[in-house]
């Protein structure tokens, strides 16, 4: 599994034969749109569609056709629908799902059918190890990572005894494993409940009897809504610290409201993160859907940008799967490493160019000046073409300013080399 966290997409075309203007890029979105966890699937669908809308209904320069299916949180049904997407609809990418048990079921039919599978949420730990698949990518996390946040918090704040609870499926097991990776205190109990259980009276009785200092729960969607309300009604909030992941968040708070006051939730993202890309995304989502986005939305938004960047990188030609996979791997944009690479390539080319130009021009200062100017402008334009956001333009300006110095460094190295030769 390759974890990619993407905040912006660049528009760099690396060649290749493009598809005809009439061909549409087909994307299959498989997510949970019914039952108690429907709000999670709706966020995924909305985030993905918002990204496509923001880039004029296209992905990688091609008109996009988005086929959305409800898996109903039933793995067997999800397999049937994904097979239809791949075999009948001929989708190029499958995006989804929300739940890890569905992910495990659709992995083979999606990837072996010729599509690239991108999960904007589920990231079961086994796919980061022995079950890693070259056609599978994730724009969220490995499941246990987010839950480790709460475990570290409990450990660092000196909480002595914790009661753990999660649904009885792979993501639930990953959740509690992530918590325990950092928490070394006493575990009062470790309870697994059926996925989509809504009545927690028996579990609340166990918590009261165990007398823990805190609970840690992973109960997404409707499970979290009900548990938070029942926990508050049982009076446990007065004596037990409430720690959670994906239980008290933007997807559940509208239903929990005051019942969740004072409850803590560890997460990999928040809508008030102070960076330009996040502010733009949240504002666009709130305007479009009149709701605050949750992690499910932003991760799906990033999945669409990932596809856009990768398809653009291969010129819209998806026939070469190896090249497409490589483009997906390379499409980690908005990171400092990208800008560092731009600088190193630009400066390295300038120094080499100065070295070569000095060899050709020798004492012809006019020719030297022409070549220096040409190299400076050429490198600056190269950076400008690859840069798409504000920071890239800062890089461009810096490169244009410093490139002549790099050129003259190369020329100086060549002069010293020539002098040492003459002395020899």
Foldseek 3Di string as FASTA:
>chain_A
DAEFAALFFWQDAQDADADDQPDAAEEEEEEACDDQQNLLRVLLVLLQVLLCVVVPCHFLPHRYDYHYDHCNPPLVSLQVVLLCCCPPVVHQEYEDYADQVNCVSNVCSQVVSNHQYEYLHAAEPCCVPPVPDLSYYYNFDHLLQQLLVLLQVCQVVPFAEEEEEEAPDRSRVSNVVSSCVRHDHHYLYHYHHHQNDQDCPVVLVSCVVSQGQEYEYEHAGNNLLRVLQVCVVVVVVVRYAAEYENNPWQSRCVSNPPSCPRHYYGDPDHLPPPDPSSVVSQVSSCVVPVGGRTSSSNSSNRVSSLRRNLCNHNNNDCPPVVSSSVRSVPRRPPDPVVLVVLLVVLLVVLLQQLQVQCVVCVPVVVSSVVSQVVSLVVSLVVQVSRDDDDVSVVSSVVSSVCSSVSSVNSNVVNVVVVVVVVVD
